[in-house]
Amino acid sequence: MEAILLLGHGCRLTSANKALKQMAQMVMEMGDVPLVEIAFLQFEKPDFFEGVSACISKAATRIIIHPYFLYKGRHFEEDLTEIIGEAQKRYPGIEFAITEPLGVHENIARVVLERLKNDVKPFKMLKPDEIEEKSLEIITKEMGEKEFKDMELPIVKRVIHATGDFDFAQNMRFHPEAVLSGLRAIKNGMNILVDVKMVEAGINKDILERHGGKVICYLSESEVKEKSHALEKTRSSVAIEMGARENIGIVAIGNAPSALYKVMKLIRNTDFKPELVIGVPVGFVKAIESKEVLLHMKYPFITSLGRKGGSPVAVAIVNALLKIVEGLKVEI
């Protein structure tokens, strides 16, 4: 049996590589060809030898290789000669043949003219806010229907936007009063206590400061370093204890499970009562456990199940709340 192997260069963009798969399907249907496989020279699988193997596994005895390139370049003149020669050594019973690349052809000229006639669009450079808006539209479409409240959905979407990870549409959890409590804290000019500098750096301070609040992070203070060493505690937990005195309305933990445990302990044993606890530490040691404990607290919280989380997630949640506050038309 004869098989056609479409061989593309390969690209780091998955969407670009999908085009070769679509072309293979079209060739098979339009040419009434029984077997068309694809392969890539680099960046993507299957590679050339995997493509050849796929053809042989389906009983091909003759493989016609079509280089899906525009012109004869180094890949055609050098690389193909070498790898086809190696394939002939590996599979002496298989006949190999090769076509010219796409090259200069009147049918390609027709495609160019067709594009000029039907597919000309004004070029527009998207502004940053337009890029964000477009991204959120894509996220909304790909998320589908999820069981989140109207004020929770923008937060989930911004977490996905920050991480590129749709798993957060499944694993984020909200206390029933979480969003309103967080908005109230911001509107009342309360401060946000964070566990690490990365969370501090990412929060939109312009919006927060317009409402009278600021971000508190004592992680780098010399007193914190000295005390953590003396008490044999993590710096993040010591920094949280120090920062808890600063009119805190929201706590945002994006890195350290020990900091989240410290927050919960302070709430349980002292008069520290923030409006909202955002607990999304990431990692393999105590991250899952600390979030599961938070999940059962009666005070307002936002968390994510499992190992996933991190500073970008904590920042995205806080900034989503700040954006919601900016858009509020009524008092809360």
Protein backbone atom coordinates (compact mmCIF):
# COMPACT_ATOMS: atom_id res chain seq x y z
CA MET A 1 0.00 0.00 0.00
CA GLU A 2 1.13 3.54 -0.76
CA ALA A 3 1.23 6.20 1.94
CA ILE A 4 1.81 9.94 1.83
CA LEU A 5 3.86 11.55 4.60
CA LEU A 6 3.35 15.32 4.86
CA LEU A 7 6.51 16.70 6.45
CA GLY A 8 6.33 20.15 8.03
CA HIS A 9 9.06 22.23 9.63
CA GLY A 10 7.35 22.41 13.01
CA CYS A 11 6.58 25.41 15.17
CA ARG A 12 6.58 26.20 18.87
CA LEU A 13 2.96 27.29 18.48
CA THR A 14 0.58 24.34 18.75
CA SER A 15 -2.07 26.12 16.69
CA ALA A 16 0.34 26.39 13.75
CA ASN A 17 1.11 22.66 13.86
CA LYS A 18 -2.58 21.82 13.83
CA ALA A 19 -2.77 23.25 10.32
CA LEU A 20 -0.67 20.37 8.95
CA LYS A 21 -3.09 17.85 10.48
CA GLN A 22 -5.97 19.66 8.79
CA MET A 23 -4.10 19.64 5.48
CA ALA A 24 -3.46 15.89 5.77
CA GLN A 25 -7.18 15.30 6.23
CA MET A 26 -7.99 17.44 3.19
CA VAL A 27 -5.42 15.62 1.03
CA MET A 28 -6.83 12.25 2.04
CA GLU A 29 -10.45 13.29 1.31
CA MET A 30 -9.89 15.31 -1.86
CA GLY A 31 -7.34 12.92 -3.38
CA ASP A 32 -9.07 9.72 -2.36
CA VAL A 33 -5.80 8.63 -0.75
CA PRO A 34 -6.03 5.70 1.69
CA LEU A 35 -3.26 6.78 4.06
CA VAL A 36 -1.85 10.22 4.85
CA GLU A 37 0.36 10.76 7.91
CA ILE A 38 2.18 13.84 9.15
CA ALA A 39 5.57 14.51 10.72
CA PHE A 40 7.70 17.49 11.77
CA LEU A 41 11.41 18.23 11.50
CA GLN A 42 11.54 19.96 14.88
CA PHE A 43 9.61 21.39 17.85
CA GLU A 44 6.64 19.03 17.50
CA LYS A 45 5.72 15.37 17.46
CA PRO A 46 5.55 13.07 15.58
CA ASP A 47 9.07 13.47 14.22
CA PHE A 48 10.09 12.10 10.83
CA PHE A 49 10.88 8.58 11.99
CA GLU A 50 7.69 8.39 14.06
CA GLY A 51 5.74 9.42 10.96
CA VAL A 52 7.46 6.73 8.91
CA SER A 53 6.76 4.17 11.62
CA ALA A 54 3.07 5.15 11.64
CA CYS A 55 2.88 4.54 7.88
CA ILE A 56 4.57 1.14 8.13
CA SER A 57 2.39 0.07 11.06
CA LYS A 58 -0.61 0.56 8.77
CA ALA A 59 0.85 -1.73 6.10
CA ALA A 60 2.46 0.88 3.83
CA THR A 61 5.16 -0.55 1.54
CA ARG A 62 5.81 2.69 -0.36
CA ILE A 63 6.06 6.07 1.38
CA ILE A 64 5.90 9.30 -0.63
CA ILE A 65 7.34 12.16 1.38
CA HIS A 66 5.95 15.60 0.59
CA PRO A 67 8.00 18.44 2.14
CA TYR A 68 5.32 20.95 3.11
CA PHE A 69 7.77 23.84 2.58
CA LEU A 70 7.56 26.82 0.27
CA TYR A 71 11.04 26.47 -1.22
CA LYS A 72 14.09 24.24 -1.44
CA GLY A 73 16.21 25.41 1.44
CA ARG A 74 18.77 23.87 3.76
CA HIS A 75 16.20 21.52 5.28
CA PHE A 76 15.32 20.15 1.84
CA GLU A 77 18.85 19.94 0.45
CA GLU A 78 20.65 18.65 3.55
CA ASP A 79 18.38 17.43 6.34
CA LEU A 80 15.96 15.46 4.17
CA THR A 81 18.73 13.69 2.30
CA GLU A 82 20.23 12.56 5.58
CA ILE A 83 17.05 11.40 7.33
CA ILE A 84 15.58 9.62 4.30
CA GLY A 85 18.88 7.80 3.85
CA GLU A 86 18.71 6.73 7.51
CA ALA A 87 15.11 5.58 7.01
CA GLN A 88 16.13 3.41 4.05
CA LYS A 89 18.74 1.72 6.24
CA ARG A 90 16.22 1.09 9.02
CA TYR A 91 13.51 -0.19 6.67
CA PRO A 92 15.19 -1.87 3.66
CA GLY A 93 11.92 -3.43 2.54
CA ILE A 94 10.16 -0.07 2.19
CA GLU A 95 10.32 2.08 -0.93
CA PHE A 96 10.80 5.80 -0.25
CA ALA A 97 10.04 8.60 -2.69
CA ILE A 98 10.00 12.40 -2.38
CA THR A 99 8.13 15.23 -4.09
CA GLU A 100 9.16 18.79 -4.76
CA PRO A 101 8.17 21.33 -2.08
CA LEU A 102 5.24 23.66 -2.72
CA GLY A 103 7.49 26.11 -4.57
CA VAL A 104 6.30 28.52 -7.25
CA HIS A 105 3.05 27.20 -8.68
CA GLU A 106 0.09 28.75 -10.41
CA ASN A 107 -2.30 27.21 -7.88
CA ILE A 108 -0.46 28.98 -5.07
CA ALA A 109 -0.74 32.21 -7.05
CA ARG A 110 -4.48 31.56 -7.21
CA VAL A 111 -4.57 31.16 -3.42
CA VAL A 112 -2.76 34.50 -3.07
CA LEU A 113 -5.30 36.18 -5.35
CA GLU A 114 -8.18 34.54 -3.48
CA ARG A 115 -6.81 35.86 -0.19
CA LEU A 116 -6.46 39.34 -1.69
CA LYS A 117 -10.06 39.18 -2.82
CA ASN A 118 -11.75 37.67 0.20
CA ASP A 119 -9.52 37.80 3.27
CA VAL A 120 -8.15 41.35 3.47
CA LYS A 121 -8.69 42.84 6.92
CA PRO A 122 -7.53 46.19 8.30
CA PHE A 123 -4.53 45.72 10.56
CA LYS A 124 -5.19 46.88 14.10
CA MET A 125 -2.73 46.91 16.94
CA LEU A 126 -4.67 46.02 20.08
CA LYS A 127 -4.22 48.28 23.09
CA PRO A 128 -3.42 46.66 26.46
CA ASP A 129 -7.00 46.99 27.72
CA GLU A 130 -8.31 45.54 24.44
CA ILE A 131 -5.95 42.57 24.75
CA GLU A 132 -7.24 41.93 28.26
CA GLU A 133 -10.84 42.25 27.13
CA LYS A 134 -10.25 39.83 24.25
CA SER A 135 -8.53 37.39 26.60
CA LEU A 136 -11.46 37.44 29.00
CA GLU A 137 -13.87 36.85 26.09
CA ILE A 138 -11.89 33.75 25.11
CA ILE A 139 -11.84 32.55 28.72
CA THR A 140 -15.61 33.04 29.03
CA LYS A 141 -16.20 31.01 25.87
CA GLU A 142 -13.84 28.17 26.82
CA MET A 143 -15.02 27.98 30.44
CA GLY A 144 -18.61 27.27 29.52
CA GLU A 145 -21.23 27.17 32.24
CA LYS A 146 -19.88 27.01 35.80
CA GLU A 147 -21.66 27.15 39.15
CA PHE A 148 -20.23 30.41 40.45
CA LYS A 149 -22.15 33.45 41.60
CA ASP A 150 -22.16 36.51 39.37
CA MET A 151 -19.61 38.32 41.55
CA GLU A 152 -17.39 35.25 41.84
CA LEU A 153 -17.06 34.63 38.10
CA PRO A 154 -14.87 37.70 37.35
CA ILE A 155 -12.45 36.51 40.02
CA VAL A 156 -12.20 33.00 38.59
CA LYS A 157 -11.70 34.42 35.10
CA ARG A 158 -8.89 36.71 36.24
CA VAL A 159 -7.15 33.80 37.94
CA ILE A 160 -7.34 31.83 34.68
CA HIS A 161 -6.13 34.91 32.81
CA ALA A 162 -3.13 35.21 35.14
CA THR A 163 -2.20 31.52 35.02
CA GLY A 164 -3.50 30.22 31.69
CA ASP A 165 -4.87 27.29 33.68
CA PHE A 166 -8.54 26.33 33.32
CA ASP A 167 -8.27 23.91 36.24
CA PHE A 168 -9.05 26.89 38.46
CA ALA A 169 -12.57 26.87 37.04
CA GLN A 170 -12.94 23.54 38.84
CA ASN A 171 -10.98 24.00 42.04
CA MET A 172 -11.72 27.51 43.31
CA ARG A 173 -13.91 27.78 46.38
CA PHE A 174 -15.68 30.80 47.90
CA HIS A 175 -17.27 31.33 51.29
CA PRO A 176 -20.80 32.68 50.63
CA GLU A 177 -19.87 36.11 52.01
CA ALA A 178 -16.32 36.22 50.63
CA VAL A 179 -16.68 38.67 47.76
CA LEU A 180 -18.90 41.19 49.55
CA SER A 181 -16.63 41.06 52.60
CA GLY A 182 -13.56 41.75 50.47
CA LEU A 183 -15.26 44.62 48.64
CA ARG A 184 -16.36 46.13 51.93
CA ALA A 185 -12.83 45.99 53.30
CA ILE A 186 -11.48 47.83 50.24
CA LYS A 187 -14.25 50.43 50.27
CA ASN A 188 -13.60 51.10 53.97
CA GLY A 189 -9.94 51.86 53.35
CA MET A 190 -8.57 48.81 55.15
CA ASN A 191 -5.12 47.40 54.37
CA ILE A 192 -4.14 44.16 52.65
CA LEU A 193 -1.65 41.88 54.41
CA VAL A 194 0.40 39.60 52.14
CA ASP A 195 2.94 36.87 52.76
CA VAL A 196 5.59 37.59 50.09
CA LYS A 197 6.99 40.48 48.07
CA MET A 198 5.73 39.03 44.78
CA VAL A 199 2.14 39.41 45.97
CA GLU A 200 2.88 42.90 47.22
CA ALA A 201 4.42 43.90 43.89
CA GLY A 202 1.51 42.63 41.78
CA ILE A 203 -1.39 44.31 43.56
CA ASN A 204 -2.90 47.38 41.88
CA LYS A 205 -1.92 49.96 44.48
CA ASP A 206 -3.41 52.90 42.57
CA ILE A 207 -6.94 51.60 43.07
CA LEU A 208 -6.26 50.47 46.62
CA GLU A 209 -4.79 53.81 47.64
CA ARG A 210 -7.71 55.72 46.10
CA HIS A 211 -9.85 54.00 48.72
CA GLY A 212 -7.38 54.69 51.53
CA GLY A 213 -5.73 51.28 51.84
CA LYS A 214 -2.18 50.02 51.39
CA VAL A 215 -0.35 46.69 51.07
CA ILE A 216 1.49 45.40 54.14
CA CYS A 217 4.42 42.99 53.80
CA TYR A 218 7.06 42.76 56.54
CA LEU A 219 8.90 39.77 55.11
CA SER A 220 12.15 41.64 54.49
CA GLU A 221 12.25 43.54 57.79
CA SER A 222 15.38 42.89 59.85
CA GLU A 223 13.24 42.35 62.94
CA VAL A 224 11.39 39.56 61.15
CA LYS A 225 14.63 37.86 60.16
CA GLU A 226 16.00 38.04 63.69
CA LYS A 227 12.79 36.84 65.32
CA SER A 228 12.28 33.95 62.88
CA HIS A 229 15.82 32.76 63.56
CA ALA A 230 15.44 33.05 67.32
CA LEU A 231 12.05 31.29 67.41
CA GLU A 232 12.90 28.79 64.62
CA LYS A 233 9.81 29.82 62.69
CA THR A 234 9.41 30.73 59.03
CA ARG A 235 9.90 34.38 58.18
CA SER A 236 6.50 34.49 56.49
CA SER A 237 4.64 33.40 59.63
CA VAL A 238 6.55 35.94 61.77
CA ALA A 239 5.88 38.67 59.19
CA ILE A 240 2.17 37.84 59.20
CA GLU A 241 2.01 38.13 62.98
CA MET A 242 3.70 41.54 62.88
CA GLY A 243 1.54 42.82 60.02
CA ALA A 244 -1.70 41.75 61.66
CA ARG A 245 -1.62 44.93 63.77
CA GLU A 246 -2.02 47.21 60.73
CA ASN A 247 -5.79 47.67 60.25
CA ILE A 248 -5.99 44.59 58.04
CA GLY A 249 -9.15 44.01 56.01
CA ILE A 250 -7.86 41.33 53.63
CA VAL A 251 -5.11 38.75 54.03
CA ALA A 252 -3.70 37.33 50.78
CA ILE A 253 -1.46 34.27 51.07
CA GLY A 254 -0.01 33.13 47.76
CA ASN A 255 3.13 31.26 48.70
CA ALA A 256 3.62 29.96 52.24
CA PRO A 257 1.33 27.40 53.91
CA SER A 258 2.95 28.33 57.24
CA ALA A 259 1.69 31.89 56.75
CA LEU A 260 -1.84 30.66 56.12
CA TYR A 261 -1.71 28.48 59.23
CA LYS A 262 -0.51 31.52 61.20
CA VAL A 263 -3.42 33.62 59.92
CA MET A 264 -5.95 30.99 60.96
CA LYS A 265 -4.30 30.63 64.37
CA LEU A 266 -4.36 34.39 64.97
CA ILE A 267 -8.04 34.57 64.03
CA ARG A 268 -8.81 31.68 66.36
CA ASN A 269 -6.79 32.86 69.38
CA THR A 270 -6.64 36.66 69.17
CA ASP A 271 -8.77 39.65 68.26
CA PHE A 272 -7.38 39.61 64.69
CA LYS A 273 -10.50 39.51 62.52
CA PRO A 274 -9.89 40.41 58.85
CA GLU A 275 -12.91 40.73 56.57
CA LEU A 276 -11.52 38.17 54.09
CA VAL A 277 -8.79 35.53 53.97
CA ILE A 278 -7.43 34.66 50.53
CA GLY A 279 -5.47 31.43 50.97
CA VAL A 280 -3.91 29.98 47.82
CA PRO A 281 -0.42 28.73 48.78
CA VAL A 282 1.27 26.56 46.17
CA GLY A 283 3.42 23.49 46.53
CA PHE A 284 3.80 19.97 47.84
CA VAL A 285 4.40 20.43 51.59
CA LYS A 286 1.32 21.44 53.60
CA ALA A 287 -0.19 23.49 50.75
CA ILE A 288 -3.11 21.11 50.21
CA GLU A 289 -3.63 20.60 53.93
CA SER A 290 -3.62 24.30 54.84
CA LYS A 291 -6.23 25.07 52.18
CA GLU A 292 -8.43 22.18 53.28
CA VAL A 293 -8.41 23.57 56.82
CA LEU A 294 -9.35 27.03 55.51
CA LEU A 295 -12.17 25.47 53.48
CA HIS A 296 -13.96 24.56 56.72
CA MET A 297 -13.68 27.95 58.43
CA LYS A 298 -16.84 29.93 59.13
CA TYR A 299 -15.33 33.32 58.30
CA PRO A 300 -15.12 34.60 54.68
CA PHE A 301 -12.39 33.00 52.54
CA ILE A 302 -11.35 32.36 48.95
CA THR A 303 -9.17 29.34 48.23
CA SER A 304 -8.24 26.76 45.61
CA LEU A 305 -8.16 23.02 46.14
CA GLY A 306 -5.06 20.93 45.53
CA ARG A 307 -1.45 21.90 44.97
CA LYS A 308 -2.08 24.69 42.52
CA GLY A 309 -1.99 28.30 43.63
CA GLY A 310 0.82 30.79 44.04
CA SER A 311 1.53 34.50 44.09
CA PRO A 312 -0.04 35.17 40.63
CA VAL A 313 -3.27 33.59 41.85
CA ALA A 314 -3.38 35.65 45.04
CA VAL A 315 -2.63 38.82 43.05
CA ALA A 316 -5.31 38.01 40.47
CA ILE A 317 -7.94 37.54 43.19
CA VAL A 318 -7.07 40.82 44.91
CA ASN A 319 -6.94 42.76 41.65
CA ALA A 320 -10.26 41.29 40.57
CA LEU A 321 -11.81 42.59 43.80
CA LEU A 322 -10.25 46.00 43.19
CA LYS A 323 -11.66 46.06 39.65
CA ILE A 324 -15.11 45.15 40.93
CA VAL A 325 -14.93 47.95 43.51
CA GLU A 326 -14.07 50.43 40.76
CA GLY A 327 -17.12 49.40 38.79
CA LEU A 328 -19.62 49.42 41.65
CA LYS A 329 -22.56 51.73 41.18
CA VAL A 330 -24.12 51.15 44.61
CA GLU A 331 -22.93 51.10 48.17
CA ILE A 332 -22.26 47.73 49.80
